[in-house]
């Protein structure tokens, strides 16, 4: 592969079948809130192994609706991992509650059950865990903590569609799960999300507030030949369109292949990077599947010779797309008032080392080897752009 070629961080896998599904949906009378959304919800619930799936406009709105359904409100606290995207912490804030950050496990980068225990107060109502990068959290330990303190456990599954913990799919383990269909995720609806739950009341409440707090949506009113509806709660327009749902249905049909391809790419990376001193490949814990939404390596400067930032710059000059997931939330401006550097030592330490390498279902072995080869060539990197 010539240096002029680019290995992007991510490329969406959109097939002709996907395009045809979207075009067919565009020809339907129902462009939003219609039968395709209901079909996607049924298909998704069956795949995860839950009673209910509720399609939403994003994973952010899915998390927010779950907070509403759990009656999280002013004065409540919700424990969340400090190493995550802002949406995880913002969901309780939308309800007037306070997110309380917990540190992460140094190996998996998932939330630490022990530190969760340290953060619980008499105001704590729930724990939102994130299956970081595509690897399930230590759910047995987290559920034990939750049971002991009578807390809800909500799974942020944005990274982990299809991942399993003791052969149980994520999104079916806690009281509810929230998924993302953003373009970089395992499947995409462009923007979009999904709530999963076995709890009838959570499903009922989430559906209600998803659509303006209305007792009957347009599809239901047409099917029942009744025009009347009432508004019984403060709701939002957090719906998914039928066009998006059609794309989601088409993509979900091949989720197992998508995950197999991602895992294969990760294996190719492991083969090459495990031989390079100072580059730490992702750790995979027992009794779970890692579906590699992210491939997060760690750069140990003392062994490798370059810092993470130096390697990031060098690889970028070689036309390789990269990311850092994530800056710990307490170091970001919006959250700094309540937390200080040093409060979360493990997250702060690993943050200086983590580097997300390109990974996507159609990534070729040649592209992987190009990235690996450039990491191997660290001594030949020029300090000048």
Protein backbone atom coordinates (compact mmCIF):
# COMPACT_ATOMS: atom_id res chain seq x y z
CA UNK A 1 0.00 0.00 0.00
CA UNK A 2 1.46 3.34 -1.07
CA UNK A 3 1.80 6.17 1.40
CA UNK A 4 -0.58 8.26 -0.69
CA UNK A 5 -3.41 5.91 0.18
CA UNK A 6 -5.49 6.55 3.29
CA UNK A 7 -6.67 4.08 5.90
CA UNK A 8 -9.72 5.86 7.34
CA UNK A 9 -10.77 5.42 10.94
CA UNK A 10 -14.11 4.02 9.84
CA UNK A 11 -16.07 3.26 6.67
CA UNK A 12 -19.81 2.48 6.88
CA UNK A 13 -20.76 -0.80 5.20
CA UNK A 14 -23.77 0.06 3.05
CA UNK A 15 -24.82 -2.65 0.59
CA UNK A 16 -27.12 -2.62 -2.41
CA UNK A 17 -29.69 -4.42 -0.25
CA UNK A 18 -29.48 -1.56 2.26
CA UNK A 19 -30.02 1.00 -0.48
CA UNK A 20 -32.95 -0.90 -1.95
CA UNK A 21 -34.56 -1.18 1.50
CA UNK A 22 -34.31 2.58 1.95
CA UNK A 23 -35.71 3.30 -1.51
CA UNK A 24 -38.62 0.96 -0.87
CA UNK A 25 -39.37 2.70 2.42
CA UNK A 26 -39.28 6.07 0.67
CA UNK A 27 -42.04 4.81 -1.62
CA UNK A 28 -44.26 4.00 1.35
CA UNK A 29 -47.04 6.25 2.60
CA UNK A 30 -45.59 5.93 6.09
CA UNK A 31 -42.24 7.71 6.23
CA UNK A 32 -42.09 7.93 10.03
CA UNK A 33 -43.79 6.30 13.00
CA UNK A 34 -45.09 3.53 10.76
CA UNK A 35 -44.92 -0.23 10.26
CA UNK A 36 -41.20 -0.39 9.48
CA UNK A 37 -40.35 1.02 12.89
CA UNK A 38 -42.57 -1.59 14.53
CA UNK A 39 -40.95 -4.35 12.45
CA UNK A 40 -37.46 -3.18 13.43
CA UNK A 41 -38.46 -3.11 17.09
CA UNK A 42 -39.83 -6.67 16.97
CA UNK A 43 -36.77 -7.94 15.12
CA UNK A 44 -34.39 -6.21 17.53
CA UNK A 45 -36.19 -7.47 20.64
CA UNK A 46 -36.00 -11.01 19.32
CA UNK A 47 -32.29 -10.68 18.57
CA UNK A 48 -31.42 -9.34 22.03
CA UNK A 49 -33.80 -11.75 23.76
CA UNK A 50 -36.11 -9.27 25.50
CA UNK A 51 -39.85 -8.55 25.55
CA UNK A 52 -39.62 -4.95 24.39
CA UNK A 53 -37.55 -2.81 22.03
CA UNK A 54 -38.38 0.87 21.56
CA UNK A 55 -36.79 2.68 18.62
CA UNK A 56 -35.54 6.22 19.25
CA UNK A 57 -33.80 9.06 17.46
CA UNK A 58 -30.42 8.32 19.09
CA UNK A 59 -28.75 6.44 21.92
CA UNK A 60 -28.73 9.72 23.83
CA UNK A 61 -32.51 9.98 23.69
CA UNK A 62 -32.75 6.27 24.52
CA UNK A 63 -30.78 6.83 27.73
CA UNK A 64 -32.81 9.92 28.55
CA UNK A 65 -36.11 8.09 28.05
CA UNK A 66 -34.91 5.27 30.31
CA UNK A 67 -34.07 7.84 33.00
CA UNK A 68 -37.57 9.27 32.65
CA UNK A 69 -39.11 5.79 32.80
CA UNK A 70 -37.18 5.07 36.01
CA UNK A 71 -38.41 8.37 37.49
CA UNK A 72 -34.89 9.73 37.93
CA UNK A 73 -35.35 13.32 39.08
CA UNK A 74 -33.95 16.37 40.86
CA UNK A 75 -31.82 15.39 43.84
CA UNK A 76 -31.10 11.85 42.62
CA UNK A 77 -27.63 10.55 41.78
CA UNK A 78 -26.65 8.14 39.02
CA UNK A 79 -23.23 6.47 38.95
CA UNK A 80 -21.60 6.46 35.50
CA UNK A 81 -18.09 5.60 34.25
CA UNK A 82 -15.74 8.54 33.91
CA UNK A 83 -14.26 7.07 30.71
CA UNK A 84 -17.18 7.39 28.33
CA UNK A 85 -18.86 9.74 25.88
CA UNK A 86 -20.69 12.73 27.34
CA UNK A 87 -24.16 11.35 26.50
CA UNK A 88 -23.88 8.73 29.26
CA UNK A 89 -23.50 11.41 31.91
CA UNK A 90 -25.89 13.87 30.29
CA UNK A 91 -28.91 11.53 30.40
CA UNK A 92 -29.40 11.91 34.18
CA UNK A 93 -28.61 15.63 33.96
CA UNK A 94 -31.51 16.05 31.53
CA UNK A 95 -33.74 14.83 34.37
CA UNK A 96 -32.22 17.15 36.96
CA UNK A 97 -30.15 14.38 38.57
CA UNK A 98 -26.42 14.38 39.24
CA UNK A 99 -24.03 12.01 37.46
CA UNK A 100 -21.45 10.63 39.88
CA UNK A 101 -18.34 9.39 38.08
CA UNK A 102 -16.61 6.10 38.89
CA UNK A 103 -13.14 5.01 37.83
CA UNK A 104 -12.43 2.14 35.44
CA UNK A 105 -10.69 -1.21 35.47
CA UNK A 106 -7.18 -0.81 34.10
CA UNK A 107 -7.33 -3.94 31.94
CA UNK A 108 -10.79 -3.79 30.36
CA UNK A 109 -11.32 0.01 30.67
CA UNK A 110 -14.86 -0.81 31.80
CA UNK A 111 -16.37 0.71 34.94
CA UNK A 112 -14.85 -0.67 38.14
CA UNK A 113 -17.43 -2.46 40.34
CA UNK A 114 -15.32 -1.66 43.39
CA UNK A 115 -15.25 2.04 42.63
CA UNK A 116 -18.98 1.99 41.91
CA UNK A 117 -19.39 0.79 45.49
CA UNK A 118 -17.25 3.68 46.70
CA UNK A 119 -19.48 6.25 44.93
CA UNK A 120 -22.88 5.16 46.26
CA UNK A 121 -24.72 7.48 48.65
CA UNK A 122 -28.25 7.57 50.03
CA UNK A 123 -29.21 9.61 46.96
CA UNK A 124 -28.02 7.05 44.42
CA UNK A 125 -30.87 5.62 42.36
CA UNK A 126 -29.16 3.93 39.41
CA UNK A 127 -25.92 2.84 37.77
CA UNK A 128 -25.33 3.34 34.05
CA UNK A 129 -22.59 1.02 32.86
CA UNK A 130 -20.93 1.22 29.43
CA UNK A 131 -19.69 -1.88 27.63
CA UNK A 132 -16.57 -0.03 26.55
CA UNK A 133 -15.26 -0.70 23.06
CA UNK A 134 -17.54 -3.70 22.64
CA UNK A 135 -16.55 -5.77 25.69
CA UNK A 136 -19.20 -6.46 28.36
CA UNK A 137 -18.65 -5.16 31.87
CA UNK A 138 -18.32 -7.35 34.98
CA UNK A 139 -22.09 -7.60 35.21
CA UNK A 140 -22.32 -10.18 38.01
CA UNK A 141 -20.33 -7.96 40.35
CA UNK A 142 -22.23 -4.82 39.32
CA UNK A 143 -25.61 -6.52 39.73
CA UNK A 144 -24.60 -7.72 43.20
CA UNK A 145 -23.73 -4.16 44.22
CA UNK A 146 -27.04 -2.96 42.75
CA UNK A 147 -29.07 -5.61 44.58
CA UNK A 148 -27.38 -4.81 47.89
CA UNK A 149 -28.27 -1.12 47.52
CA UNK A 150 -31.59 -1.49 45.63
CA UNK A 151 -30.35 0.32 42.53
CA UNK A 152 -31.33 0.07 38.88
CA UNK A 153 -28.65 -1.03 36.41
CA UNK A 154 -28.93 0.49 32.95
CA UNK A 155 -26.70 -0.82 30.17
CA UNK A 156 -25.23 1.68 27.71
CA UNK A 157 -24.71 -0.75 24.82
CA UNK A 158 -23.70 1.84 22.21
CA UNK A 159 -20.47 -0.08 21.53
CA UNK A 160 -21.65 -3.61 22.01
CA UNK A 161 -24.49 -4.85 19.80
CA UNK A 162 -24.19 -8.64 19.75
CA UNK A 163 -21.67 -8.89 22.58
CA UNK A 164 -22.43 -11.56 25.18
CA UNK A 165 -21.76 -12.07 28.88
CA UNK A 166 -22.01 -15.69 29.98
CA UNK A 167 -23.88 -16.34 26.70
CA UNK A 168 -26.44 -13.61 27.42
CA UNK A 169 -26.60 -10.66 25.05
CA UNK A 170 -25.91 -7.23 26.47
CA UNK A 171 -29.04 -5.16 26.68
CA UNK A 172 -30.90 -8.04 28.33
CA UNK A 173 -28.99 -8.10 31.63
CA UNK A 174 -29.87 -4.85 33.41
CA UNK A 175 -33.30 -3.28 33.89
CA UNK A 176 -32.91 -1.69 30.45
CA UNK A 177 -30.38 -1.25 27.66
CA UNK A 178 -29.68 1.58 25.21
CA UNK A 179 -28.12 1.09 21.77
CA UNK A 180 -26.68 3.44 19.17
CA UNK A 181 -27.01 3.25 15.38
CA UNK A 182 -24.66 6.14 14.62
CA UNK A 183 -22.66 5.55 11.38
CA UNK A 184 -19.57 4.23 13.21
CA UNK A 185 -21.52 1.66 15.22
CA UNK A 186 -22.03 -2.04 14.43
CA UNK A 187 -25.16 -1.27 12.42
CA UNK A 188 -26.40 2.12 11.38
CA UNK A 189 -29.66 3.95 10.77
CA UNK A 190 -27.59 7.13 10.16
CA UNK A 191 -28.81 8.52 13.48
CA UNK A 192 -30.89 6.36 15.76
CA UNK A 193 -31.09 4.31 18.91
CA UNK A 194 -33.02 1.57 20.69
CA UNK A 195 -34.19 0.81 24.22
CA UNK A 196 -34.41 -2.83 25.30
CA UNK A 197 -36.16 -4.09 28.42
CA UNK A 198 -38.21 -6.91 29.91
CA UNK A 199 -40.06 -4.46 32.15
CA UNK A 200 -43.57 -3.68 30.88
CA UNK A 201 -43.85 -0.39 32.77
CA UNK A 202 -40.52 0.94 31.51
CA UNK A 203 -41.53 0.08 27.95
CA UNK A 204 -44.93 1.74 28.36
CA UNK A 205 -43.46 4.93 29.83
CA UNK A 206 -40.65 5.15 27.25
CA UNK A 207 -43.10 4.78 24.36
CA UNK A 208 -45.36 7.45 25.85
CA UNK A 209 -42.71 10.13 26.38
CA UNK A 210 -40.96 9.25 23.11
CA UNK A 211 -43.98 10.64 21.23
CA UNK A 212 -45.01 13.85 22.97
CA UNK A 213 -46.75 12.07 25.85
CA UNK A 214 -49.61 11.19 23.50
CA UNK A 215 -51.91 8.28 24.29
CA UNK A 216 -52.30 7.35 20.59
CA UNK A 217 -49.85 7.90 17.75
CA UNK A 218 -50.84 8.45 14.12
CA UNK A 219 -50.50 4.80 13.10
CA UNK A 220 -52.63 3.63 16.03
CA UNK A 221 -55.30 6.25 15.34
CA UNK A 222 -55.57 5.18 11.71
CA UNK A 223 -55.73 1.48 12.54
CA UNK A 224 -58.43 2.05 15.16
CA UNK A 225 -60.31 4.62 13.03
CA UNK A 226 -60.39 6.96 16.02
CA UNK A 227 -59.13 10.52 15.80
CA UNK A 228 -58.99 11.36 19.51
CA UNK A 229 -55.80 11.32 21.57
CA UNK A 230 -54.82 12.82 24.89
CA UNK A 231 -51.49 14.20 26.16
CA UNK A 232 -50.89 12.80 29.63
CA UNK A 233 -47.20 13.49 30.26
CA UNK A 234 -44.37 15.77 29.23
CA UNK A 235 -42.97 14.12 26.12
CA UNK A 236 -40.57 14.67 23.26
CA UNK A 237 -40.21 14.00 19.59
CA UNK A 238 -37.66 11.20 19.97
CA UNK A 239 -38.99 8.95 17.21
CA UNK A 240 -37.17 7.01 14.53
CA UNK A 241 -38.34 7.32 10.93
CA UNK A 242 -39.49 4.35 8.83
CA UNK A 243 -36.71 5.09 6.34
CA UNK A 244 -34.13 4.73 9.10
CA UNK A 245 -35.85 1.60 10.40
CA UNK A 246 -35.74 0.04 6.94
CA UNK A 247 -31.99 0.54 6.85
CA UNK A 248 -31.70 -0.86 10.37
CA UNK A 249 -33.67 -3.99 9.43
CA UNK A 250 -31.46 -4.61 6.44
CA UNK A 251 -28.28 -4.15 8.48
CA UNK A 252 -29.46 -6.19 11.47
CA UNK A 253 -29.94 -9.18 9.18
CA UNK A 254 -26.15 -9.40 8.85
CA UNK A 255 -25.07 -8.34 12.35
CA UNK A 256 -23.39 -11.68 13.01
CA UNK A 257 -21.28 -11.31 9.85
CA UNK A 258 -20.46 -7.72 10.77
CA UNK A 259 -19.22 -8.79 14.18
CA UNK A 260 -17.27 -11.73 12.76
CA UNK A 261 -15.49 -9.36 10.40
CA UNK A 262 -14.66 -6.92 13.19
CA UNK A 263 -13.30 -9.73 15.34
CA UNK A 264 -11.17 -10.95 12.43
CA UNK A 265 -9.71 -7.47 11.96
CA UNK A 266 -8.93 -7.36 15.69
CA UNK A 267 -7.20 -10.75 15.46
CA UNK A 268 -5.01 -9.47 12.62
CA UNK A 269 -4.08 -6.47 14.74
CA UNK A 270 -3.33 -8.72 17.72
CA UNK A 271 -0.99 -10.87 15.63
CA UNK A 272 1.05 -7.91 14.48
CA UNK A 273 0.97 -5.60 17.48
CA UNK A 274 1.64 -8.23 20.17
CA UNK A 275 5.20 -8.49 18.83
CA UNK A 276 5.91 -4.78 19.31
CA UNK A 277 7.33 -3.81 22.68
CA UNK A 278 5.39 -1.07 24.41
CA UNK A 279 2.19 -1.62 22.45
CA UNK A 280 -0.49 -3.28 24.59
CA UNK A 281 -3.33 -4.98 22.72
CA UNK A 282 -6.89 -4.98 24.12
CA UNK A 283 -7.44 -7.28 27.08
CA UNK A 284 -10.38 -9.68 26.78
CA UNK A 285 -11.87 -10.98 30.02
CA UNK A 286 -13.30 -14.48 30.46
CA UNK A 287 -16.87 -15.57 29.75
CA UNK A 288 -17.72 -12.78 27.33
CA UNK A 289 -17.42 -11.88 23.67
CA UNK A 290 -15.74 -8.66 22.57
CA UNK A 291 -17.26 -7.33 19.32
CA UNK A 292 -14.66 -4.57 18.82
CA UNK A 293 -16.64 -1.46 18.09
CA UNK A 294 -13.26 0.04 18.97
CA UNK A 295 -9.78 -1.41 18.78
CA UNK A 296 -8.02 0.40 21.61
CA UNK A 297 -4.29 -0.19 21.95
CA UNK A 298 -2.15 1.34 24.67
CA UNK A 299 1.18 3.05 24.03
CA UNK A 300 3.72 2.67 26.86
CA UNK A 301 6.30 5.36 26.13
CA UNK A 302 9.02 3.89 28.34
CA UNK A 303 8.98 0.66 26.33
CA UNK A 304 7.87 1.84 22.91
CA UNK A 305 9.92 5.01 22.67
CA UNK A 306 7.14 7.37 21.65
CA UNK A 307 4.23 8.73 23.63
CA UNK A 308 0.64 8.18 22.52
CA UNK A 309 0.46 11.73 21.22
CA UNK A 310 3.71 11.36 19.29
CA UNK A 311 2.53 8.12 17.71
CA UNK A 312 -0.85 9.70 16.91
CA UNK A 313 0.91 12.50 15.03
CA UNK A 314 3.24 10.12 13.22
CA UNK A 315 0.49 7.77 12.07
CA UNK A 316 -1.67 10.71 11.01
CA UNK A 317 1.18 11.91 8.78
CA UNK A 318 1.07 8.46 7.20
CA UNK A 319 -2.60 8.94 6.29
CA UNK A 320 -4.06 6.71 9.00
CA UNK A 321 -7.30 7.76 10.70
CA UNK A 322 -7.25 7.52 14.49
CA UNK A 323 -9.22 8.38 17.60
CA UNK A 324 -8.88 8.63 21.38
CA UNK A 325 -11.81 7.21 23.36
CA UNK A 326 -12.14 9.09 25.61
CA UNK A 327 -10.96 12.14 27.47
CA UNK A 328 -12.19 11.34 31.01
CA UNK A 329 -15.32 13.39 31.58
CA UNK A 330 -14.04 15.14 34.70
CA UNK A 331 -11.30 16.77 32.59
CA UNK A 332 -13.82 18.36 30.21
CA UNK A 333 -14.90 21.94 30.81
CA UNK A 334 -18.59 21.29 31.49
CA UNK A 335 -17.93 18.80 34.32
CA UNK A 336 -14.84 20.39 35.88
CA UNK A 337 -16.74 22.29 38.54
CA UNK A 338 -17.70 19.11 40.39
CA UNK A 339 -14.57 17.02 39.90
CA UNK A 340 -10.84 17.57 40.02
CA UNK A 341 -7.78 16.00 38.36
CA UNK A 342 -6.59 13.15 40.53
CA UNK A 343 -10.07 11.97 41.50
CA UNK A 344 -9.92 9.08 39.02
CA UNK A 345 -6.28 7.93 38.85
CA UNK A 346 -6.74 4.87 36.62
CA UNK A 347 -8.76 6.70 33.98
CA UNK A 348 -6.29 9.59 33.99
CA UNK A 349 -3.36 7.21 33.64
CA UNK A 350 -4.76 5.14 30.77
CA UNK A 351 -6.06 8.25 29.01
CA UNK A 352 -2.45 9.23 28.26
CA UNK A 353 -1.84 5.84 26.61
CA UNK A 354 -5.00 4.80 24.75
CA UNK A 355 -5.16 5.02 20.97
CA UNK A 356 -8.11 3.83 18.86
CA UNK A 357 -6.89 2.31 15.59
CA UNK A 358 -8.99 2.01 12.41
CA UNK A 359 -11.48 -0.85 12.45
CA UNK A 360 -14.52 -1.48 10.24
CA UNK A 361 -16.18 -4.55 8.70
CA UNK A 362 -14.75 -4.10 5.19
CA UNK A 363 -11.21 -3.36 6.39
CA UNK A 364 -8.73 -5.52 4.49
CA UNK A 365 -5.81 -7.46 5.90
CA UNK A 366 -3.58 -5.23 3.79
CA UNK A 367 -4.93 -2.14 5.50
CA UNK A 368 -4.37 -3.69 8.93
CA UNK A 369 -0.81 -4.64 8.03
CA UNK A 370 -0.15 -1.13 6.74
CA UNK A 371 -1.16 0.32 10.11
CA UNK A 372 0.91 -2.29 11.97
CA UNK A 373 3.92 -1.69 9.71
CA UNK A 374 3.86 2.03 10.41
CA UNK A 375 3.70 1.39 14.16
CA UNK A 376 6.73 -0.91 13.78
CA UNK A 377 8.63 1.80 11.91
CA UNK A 378 8.58 4.20 14.84
CA UNK A 379 12.33 4.84 14.70
CA UNK A 380 12.04 6.11 11.12
CA UNK A 381 9.30 8.64 11.89
CA UNK A 382 10.36 12.18 11.22
CA UNK A 383 9.64 14.73 13.91
CA UNK A 384 8.56 17.13 11.19
CA UNK A 385 5.21 16.95 9.38
